[in-house]
Amino acid sequence: MLNLICYEESGNKYTPPYYTVVRVLRYILIFSSLTALASCATGNSIPAYFADRESVYPSDKYISAEGSGNSPEEARESALTQISLYFDTSVQTSRSLIADYQETEINGFYSSRESRSIQEKAEIKSEAQFFCVQFTSAIKSGKEYYVVAFIDREQAYRTFKEKIDVNTIILENLLPIAGDVKNPFNSIPAGKNGKAIADMTLGLIKNIQVVSEKSGDDYSKAKQLASLMQKAYRESWDNADISVHVVGDWNNTVRNTLSELVEQHGFTVSHSDDASVLYAEIESNRSKNAAGIFLTPSIVIKAKTPDGKTVFSYTKKFEREGAPEDYEDVAWRKSFSKIESDLRDSFASDFSKRFGTGAAR
């Protein structure tokens, strides 16, 4: 409550003039109005499009859904989940599809300028991009936030069509490489990228058929290329025969480790001279002084095609290890133990990023 009784400096009470009371009451009214506006700003009143979405987002032009949650992020996630039901899929499934698609790299198959342009046009970084979803601002009512997710059918149609057309071009260029099953070090990376693009293309075709019923659209070529790419990727792993050749090994440590690792990734170790080869060369850099024998090893690993072209390489230098001269084997064992650990960790990770695993087919 505001106290309208004022005091003079002497402390004697008096009755304020009429205009003072009016002015103070005016301040009270202004304060009350601002408080009410602030209350509306936090969302105590819900916009009309929540009560009647059809009037704002008519179903012939939009796909829309409402979401709610304890935060704006939760509300958007909820709305996105509802939108995904229109496409007969789930947010989790679309996220997996997008994750694989984001890892694709086509730089090795086009010039840098072409690949940059094509990659930008094909880019999809989020579920919202995958479904062409937009969101209203989050509105709070009580303890919950509310959001409307909506898709502009015409805009989504144009976006989906452009990405399908771009992906079709990429699949056409990758398919011959992915289909060269006698050359797994090339066919598998091309197939790995191609399969992610094929899966995304089929998803986009499904999406475009939901948002638009335009007659005359024919996606048979894109579907056929996507199917052929998925098949080529499976066949590239079925024929993933490589040989392992090592120079400068000690007790077959590196050869056995590499053979085990590539087999875990889905390759078959072959002894054929015509096979692609994983070639490793170790430089031990042995030295001797009064303290004993010392090794400062380094390793270079190259994945080579049957025609000798290197398509993947890995290099690592290691710290010096030593032992008394009478126990030289200890120095070798410690050095190659470090090499083996690195192969199982860093090399295996790089190799997997490049080629994936046969389990993914």
Protein backbone atom coordinates (compact mmCIF):
# COMPACT_ATOMS: atom_id res chain seq x y z
CA MET A 1 0.00 0.00 0.00
CA LEU A 2 1.16 3.54 -0.73
CA ASN A 3 0.93 5.89 2.23
CA LEU A 4 -0.72 9.13 0.99
CA ILE A 5 -0.24 10.91 4.32
CA CYS A 6 2.75 13.21 4.03
CA TYR A 7 4.71 15.00 6.74
CA GLU A 8 6.30 18.38 7.05
CA GLU A 9 9.85 18.68 8.34
CA SER A 10 8.47 19.47 11.80
CA GLY A 11 6.64 16.17 11.79
CA ASN A 12 3.13 17.67 11.90
CA LYS A 13 0.56 15.72 9.88
CA TYR A 14 -1.41 17.49 7.18
CA THR A 15 -3.86 16.66 4.36
CA PRO A 16 -2.28 16.74 0.88
CA PRO A 17 -3.73 18.92 -1.88
CA TYR A 18 -6.16 17.38 -4.37
CA TYR A 19 -3.74 17.47 -7.33
CA THR A 20 -1.16 15.48 -5.36
CA VAL A 21 -3.61 12.66 -4.75
CA VAL A 22 -4.57 12.58 -8.44
CA ARG A 23 -0.95 12.48 -9.52
CA VAL A 24 -0.13 9.62 -7.16
CA LEU A 25 -3.19 7.66 -8.28
CA ARG A 26 -2.04 8.14 -11.87
CA TYR A 27 1.31 6.60 -10.96
CA ILE A 28 -0.49 3.66 -9.39
CA LEU A 29 -2.51 3.08 -12.57
CA ILE A 30 0.59 3.27 -14.76
CA PHE A 31 2.46 0.86 -12.48
CA SER A 32 -0.47 -1.59 -12.55
CA SER A 33 -0.63 -1.45 -16.36
CA LEU A 34 3.09 -2.14 -16.72
CA THR A 35 2.77 -5.07 -14.33
CA ALA A 36 -0.05 -6.49 -16.43
CA LEU A 37 1.99 -6.09 -19.63
CA ALA A 38 4.95 -7.81 -18.04
CA SER A 39 2.67 -10.64 -17.00
CA CYS A 40 1.49 -11.04 -20.60
CA ALA A 41 5.10 -11.04 -21.84
CA THR A 42 5.89 -14.09 -19.74
CA GLY A 43 3.13 -15.94 -21.50
CA ASN A 44 0.08 -15.92 -19.25
CA SER A 45 -1.99 -15.36 -22.41
CA ILE A 46 -1.66 -17.86 -25.27
CA PRO A 47 -1.57 -16.59 -28.90
CA ALA A 48 -4.45 -17.47 -31.18
CA TYR A 49 -2.44 -19.95 -33.26
CA PHE A 50 -2.34 -22.31 -30.30
CA ALA A 51 -6.10 -22.27 -29.93
CA ASP A 52 -6.81 -22.57 -33.65
CA ARG A 53 -3.72 -23.63 -35.62
CA GLU A 54 -5.75 -24.37 -38.72
CA SER A 55 -6.62 -20.71 -39.19
CA VAL A 56 -2.96 -19.67 -39.08
CA TYR A 57 -1.40 -22.80 -40.58
CA PRO A 58 -4.05 -24.29 -42.92
CA SER A 59 -3.32 -27.96 -43.60
CA ASP A 60 -3.30 -27.51 -47.39
CA LYS A 61 -0.28 -25.19 -47.08
CA TYR A 62 1.36 -26.30 -43.84
CA ILE A 63 2.07 -29.26 -41.63
CA SER A 64 2.05 -28.15 -38.00
CA ALA A 65 2.23 -29.61 -34.51
CA GLU A 66 2.31 -28.31 -30.96
CA GLY A 67 4.91 -29.17 -28.37
CA SER A 68 5.27 -28.43 -24.68
CA GLY A 69 7.92 -28.86 -22.02
CA ASN A 70 9.65 -27.47 -18.97
CA SER A 71 11.92 -25.33 -21.17
CA PRO A 72 11.79 -23.86 -24.69
CA GLU A 73 14.22 -26.59 -25.84
CA GLU A 74 11.98 -29.35 -24.48
CA ALA A 75 8.96 -27.75 -26.13
CA ARG A 76 10.73 -27.65 -29.52
CA GLU A 77 11.85 -31.27 -29.12
CA SER A 78 8.28 -32.27 -28.30
CA ALA A 79 6.92 -30.42 -31.33
CA LEU A 80 9.58 -31.99 -33.57
CA THR A 81 8.61 -35.44 -32.31
CA GLN A 82 4.99 -34.76 -33.25
CA ILE A 83 6.02 -33.49 -36.69
CA SER A 84 8.10 -36.62 -37.35
CA LEU A 85 4.94 -38.74 -36.99
CA TYR A 86 3.63 -37.22 -40.22
CA PHE A 87 6.65 -38.80 -41.95
CA ASP A 88 6.16 -42.19 -40.29
CA THR A 89 9.56 -42.01 -38.61
CA SER A 90 11.13 -40.96 -35.31
CA VAL A 91 13.51 -38.20 -34.28
CA GLN A 92 16.01 -40.85 -33.17
CA THR A 93 15.96 -42.54 -36.58
CA SER A 94 16.38 -39.25 -38.40
CA ARG A 95 19.27 -38.27 -36.10
CA SER A 96 21.12 -41.48 -36.96
CA LEU A 97 20.54 -40.83 -40.65
CA ILE A 98 21.82 -37.26 -40.32
CA ALA A 99 24.87 -38.30 -38.26
CA ASP A 100 26.01 -40.69 -41.02
CA TYR A 101 25.23 -38.11 -43.70
CA GLN A 102 27.23 -35.38 -41.95
CA GLU A 103 30.34 -37.60 -42.01
CA THR A 104 30.31 -37.95 -45.79
CA GLU A 105 33.19 -36.40 -47.67
CA ILE A 106 33.20 -36.16 -51.44
CA ASN A 107 36.35 -34.06 -51.74
CA GLY A 108 38.33 -36.98 -53.11
CA PHE A 109 35.94 -37.49 -56.00
CA TYR A 110 35.53 -33.92 -57.30
CA SER A 111 37.64 -30.82 -57.74
CA SER A 112 37.79 -28.66 -54.62
CA ARG A 113 35.48 -26.02 -56.10
CA GLU A 114 32.92 -28.57 -57.30
CA SER A 115 32.96 -30.54 -54.04
CA ARG A 116 32.49 -27.40 -51.94
CA SER A 117 29.52 -26.28 -54.03
CA ILE A 118 27.92 -29.72 -54.09
CA GLN A 119 28.50 -30.35 -50.39
CA GLU A 120 26.93 -27.01 -49.46
CA LYS A 121 23.81 -27.70 -51.51
CA ALA A 122 23.43 -31.18 -50.03
CA GLU A 123 24.14 -30.08 -46.45
CA ILE A 124 21.76 -31.21 -43.70
CA LYS A 125 22.90 -30.53 -40.14
CA SER A 126 19.81 -31.02 -38.01
CA GLU A 127 16.43 -32.71 -37.72
CA ALA A 128 14.81 -29.34 -38.39
CA GLN A 129 16.69 -29.12 -41.70
CA PHE A 130 15.82 -32.73 -42.51
CA PHE A 131 12.10 -32.02 -42.15
CA CYS A 132 12.30 -28.31 -43.20
CA VAL A 133 10.75 -27.38 -39.87
CA GLN A 134 10.39 -23.87 -38.44
CA PHE A 135 9.35 -22.98 -34.90
CA THR A 136 7.33 -20.18 -33.33
CA SER A 137 8.74 -18.40 -30.30
CA ALA A 138 8.25 -20.30 -27.06
CA ILE A 139 5.30 -19.10 -24.95
CA LYS A 140 5.09 -19.80 -21.23
CA SER A 141 1.79 -20.58 -19.58
CA GLY A 142 1.91 -21.60 -15.97
CA LYS A 143 4.97 -23.77 -15.52
CA GLU A 144 5.12 -25.04 -19.12
CA TYR A 145 6.47 -23.66 -22.38
CA TYR A 146 4.61 -24.12 -25.65
CA VAL A 147 5.87 -24.07 -29.23
CA VAL A 148 4.31 -24.66 -32.64
CA ALA A 149 6.46 -26.43 -35.24
CA PHE A 150 5.38 -25.89 -38.82
CA ILE A 151 6.44 -26.86 -42.34
CA ASP A 152 5.66 -24.68 -45.32
CA ARG A 153 4.73 -27.34 -47.88
CA GLU A 154 5.78 -25.38 -50.97
CA GLN A 155 9.08 -24.24 -49.49
CA ALA A 156 9.86 -27.74 -48.22
CA TYR A 157 9.05 -29.22 -51.62
CA ARG A 158 11.57 -26.96 -53.36
CA THR A 159 14.25 -27.67 -50.75
CA PHE A 160 13.77 -31.43 -50.82
CA LYS A 161 13.77 -31.51 -54.62
CA GLU A 162 17.06 -29.59 -54.86
CA LYS A 163 18.77 -31.91 -52.37
CA ILE A 164 17.44 -35.03 -54.14
CA ASP A 165 18.75 -33.72 -57.47
CA VAL A 166 22.18 -32.95 -55.98
CA ASN A 167 22.39 -36.32 -54.25
CA THR A 168 21.48 -38.06 -57.49
CA ILE A 169 24.49 -36.45 -59.17
CA ILE A 170 26.77 -37.52 -56.30
CA LEU A 171 25.50 -41.11 -56.43
CA GLU A 172 26.08 -41.27 -60.18
CA ASN A 173 29.72 -40.30 -59.68
CA LEU A 174 30.41 -42.50 -56.66
CA LEU A 175 28.74 -45.68 -57.93
CA PRO A 176 31.50 -46.75 -60.41
CA ILE A 177 34.13 -46.38 -57.68
CA ALA A 178 32.03 -48.18 -55.07
CA GLY A 179 31.38 -50.95 -57.55
CA ASP A 180 35.09 -51.66 -58.16
CA VAL A 181 35.13 -54.50 -55.62
CA LYS A 182 38.62 -55.67 -56.60
CA ASN A 183 39.93 -52.45 -55.14
CA PRO A 184 38.51 -52.37 -51.57
CA PHE A 185 40.66 -49.47 -50.38
CA ASN A 186 38.77 -47.30 -52.89
CA SER A 187 35.43 -49.08 -53.15
CA ILE A 188 34.77 -49.19 -49.41
CA PRO A 189 35.25 -45.43 -48.70
CA ALA A 190 33.21 -44.58 -51.79
CA GLY A 191 30.56 -47.07 -50.72
CA LYS A 192 30.59 -45.79 -47.14
CA ASN A 193 29.95 -42.21 -48.31
CA GLY A 194 27.57 -43.39 -50.99
CA LYS A 195 25.45 -45.48 -48.65
CA ALA A 196 24.95 -42.53 -46.28
CA ILE A 197 23.92 -40.38 -49.25
CA ALA A 198 21.68 -43.14 -50.60
CA ASP A 199 19.92 -43.56 -47.25
CA MET A 200 19.43 -39.80 -46.97
CA THR A 201 18.12 -39.59 -50.54
CA LEU A 202 15.50 -42.26 -49.88
CA GLY A 203 14.53 -40.36 -46.73
CA LEU A 204 14.17 -37.11 -48.69
CA ILE A 205 12.04 -38.83 -51.34
CA LYS A 206 9.78 -40.06 -48.57
CA ASN A 207 9.63 -36.55 -47.11
CA ILE A 208 8.80 -34.84 -50.40
CA GLN A 209 5.93 -37.22 -51.02
CA VAL A 210 4.48 -36.28 -47.63
CA VAL A 211 4.66 -32.50 -48.11
CA SER A 212 3.53 -32.45 -51.75
CA GLU A 213 1.40 -34.46 -54.12
CA LYS A 214 2.66 -32.75 -57.27
CA SER A 215 2.05 -34.87 -60.32
CA GLY A 216 4.78 -35.63 -62.80
CA ASP A 217 7.61 -36.00 -60.28
CA ASP A 218 9.61 -39.09 -61.04
CA TYR A 219 12.21 -40.24 -58.53
CA SER A 220 12.78 -43.67 -60.06
CA LYS A 221 16.34 -42.79 -61.12
CA ALA A 222 17.28 -41.56 -57.65
CA LYS A 223 15.70 -44.63 -56.06
CA GLN A 224 17.52 -46.97 -58.46
CA LEU A 225 20.90 -45.30 -57.83
CA ALA A 226 20.33 -45.42 -54.07
CA SER A 227 19.48 -49.11 -54.24
CA LEU A 228 22.52 -49.89 -56.41
CA MET A 229 24.77 -47.96 -54.02
CA GLN A 230 23.50 -49.88 -51.00
CA LYS A 231 24.16 -53.12 -52.87
CA ALA A 232 27.64 -51.99 -53.99
CA TYR A 233 28.57 -51.15 -50.40
CA ARG A 234 27.58 -54.63 -49.21
CA GLU A 235 29.47 -56.28 -52.06
CA SER A 236 32.59 -54.20 -51.43
CA TRP A 237 32.80 -55.67 -47.94
CA ASP A 238 32.05 -59.17 -49.22
CA ASN A 239 35.15 -58.84 -51.42
CA ALA A 240 37.36 -56.91 -48.99
CA ASP A 241 40.51 -58.99 -49.51
CA ILE A 242 43.83 -57.31 -48.68
CA SER A 243 47.36 -58.47 -47.92
CA VAL A 244 49.53 -57.23 -45.04
CA HIS A 245 53.22 -56.64 -45.70
CA VAL A 246 55.62 -55.45 -42.97
CA VAL A 247 59.29 -54.48 -43.15
CA GLY A 248 61.45 -54.14 -40.01
CA ASP A 249 59.14 -56.10 -37.73
CA TRP A 250 60.16 -57.80 -34.48
CA ASN A 251 58.70 -61.22 -33.65
CA ASN A 252 55.85 -60.49 -36.13
CA THR A 253 54.40 -58.03 -33.60
CA VAL A 254 53.25 -55.44 -36.13
CA ARG A 255 52.12 -57.90 -38.78
CA ASN A 256 50.00 -59.89 -36.33
CA THR A 257 48.50 -56.74 -34.82
CA LEU A 258 47.63 -55.20 -38.18
CA SER A 259 46.15 -58.47 -39.43
CA GLU A 260 43.98 -58.72 -36.34
CA LEU A 261 42.81 -55.12 -36.57
CA VAL A 262 41.86 -55.18 -40.25
CA GLU A 263 39.99 -58.43 -39.75
CA GLN A 264 38.09 -56.84 -36.86
CA HIS A 265 37.10 -54.07 -39.26
CA GLY A 266 35.71 -56.61 -41.72
CA PHE A 267 38.60 -57.15 -44.15
CA THR A 268 39.94 -60.58 -45.08
CA VAL A 269 43.71 -60.99 -44.97
CA SER A 270 44.83 -62.58 -48.22
CA HIS A 271 48.20 -63.74 -49.53
CA SER A 272 47.35 -62.92 -53.13
CA ASP A 273 49.79 -60.73 -55.05
CA ASP A 274 46.84 -59.10 -56.84
CA ALA A 275 45.22 -57.88 -53.63
CA SER A 276 45.35 -54.38 -52.23
CA VAL A 277 48.08 -54.19 -49.64
CA LEU A 278 48.48 -52.64 -46.21
CA TYR A 279 52.20 -51.89 -46.17
CA ALA A 280 54.08 -51.04 -42.96
CA GLU A 281 57.71 -50.10 -42.54
CA ILE A 282 59.38 -49.76 -39.14
CA GLU A 283 62.65 -47.91 -38.60
CA SER A 284 64.12 -49.03 -35.26
CA ASN A 285 66.93 -46.45 -35.16
CA ARG A 286 69.10 -48.59 -32.90
CA SER A 287 71.95 -46.92 -31.03
CA LYS A 288 74.50 -48.02 -28.46
CA ASN A 289 76.48 -46.32 -25.73
CA ALA A 290 78.03 -47.16 -22.39
CA ALA A 291 74.60 -47.33 -20.75
CA GLY A 292 73.27 -49.96 -23.14
CA ILE A 293 71.15 -50.42 -26.28
CA PHE A 294 68.57 -47.84 -27.29
CA LEU A 295 65.75 -47.83 -29.87
CA THR A 296 63.90 -44.78 -31.17
CA PRO A 297 61.40 -46.40 -33.56
CA SER A 298 59.08 -44.88 -36.13
CA ILE A 299 56.42 -46.48 -38.31
CA VAL A 300 54.84 -45.63 -41.65
CA ILE A 301 51.73 -47.48 -42.80
CA LYS A 302 50.22 -47.13 -46.27
CA ALA A 303 47.08 -48.58 -47.79
CA LYS A 304 47.86 -49.21 -51.46
CA THR A 305 45.65 -50.17 -54.36
CA PRO A 306 46.67 -53.02 -56.70
CA ASP A 307 48.22 -50.45 -59.07
CA GLY A 308 50.40 -49.07 -56.25
CA LYS A 309 48.48 -45.87 -55.50
CA THR A 310 48.49 -44.85 -51.81
CA VAL A 311 44.98 -43.94 -50.61
CA PHE A 312 45.59 -43.85 -46.86
CA SER A 313 48.69 -43.35 -44.73
CA TYR A 314 49.63 -43.27 -41.06
CA THR A 315 52.92 -42.13 -39.53
CA LYS A 316 54.13 -42.15 -35.93
CA LYS A 317 57.40 -41.60 -34.09
CA PHE A 318 58.03 -43.07 -30.65
CA GLU A 319 60.15 -42.11 -27.68
CA ARG A 320 63.46 -43.83 -27.05
CA GLU A 321 63.50 -47.06 -25.07
CA GLY A 322 66.64 -48.73 -23.75
CA ALA A 323 68.11 -51.57 -21.74
CA PRO A 324 71.57 -52.82 -20.72
CA GLU A 325 73.47 -54.45 -23.58
CA ASP A 326 73.06 -57.92 -22.12
CA TYR A 327 69.29 -57.42 -22.08
CA GLU A 328 68.76 -55.95 -25.54
CA ASP A 329 65.58 -57.96 -25.99
CA VAL A 330 64.00 -55.86 -23.25
CA ALA A 331 64.54 -52.69 -25.30
CA TRP A 332 62.97 -54.31 -28.36
CA ARG A 333 60.05 -55.66 -26.36
CA LYS A 334 59.32 -52.28 -24.74
CA SER A 335 59.57 -50.44 -28.06
CA PHE A 336 57.29 -52.80 -29.96
CA SER A 337 54.87 -52.94 -27.06
CA LYS A 338 54.41 -49.19 -27.47
CA ILE A 339 53.99 -49.60 -31.23
CA GLU A 340 51.33 -52.28 -30.70
CA SER A 341 49.42 -50.10 -28.22
CA ASP A 342 49.46 -47.20 -30.65
CA LEU A 343 48.21 -49.40 -33.49
CA ARG A 344 45.29 -50.58 -31.41
CA ASP A 345 44.41 -47.04 -30.39
CA SER A 346 45.35 -44.22 -32.78
CA PHE A 347 45.86 -46.21 -35.98
CA ALA A 348 42.67 -48.23 -35.49
CA SER A 349 40.70 -45.00 -34.95
CA ASP A 350 42.07 -43.34 -38.11
CA PHE A 351 41.59 -46.50 -40.14
CA SER A 352 37.99 -46.79 -38.96
CA LYS A 353 37.22 -43.18 -39.87
CA ARG A 354 38.48 -43.79 -43.37
CA PHE A 355 37.00 -47.22 -44.08
CA GLY A 356 34.33 -47.85 -41.43
CA THR A 357 33.61 -51.45 -40.52
CA GLY A 358 31.97 -54.35 -42.26
CA ALA A 359 29.38 -54.45 -39.48
CA ALA A 360 27.87 -51.23 -40.87
CA ARG A 361 26.73 -52.92 -44.06
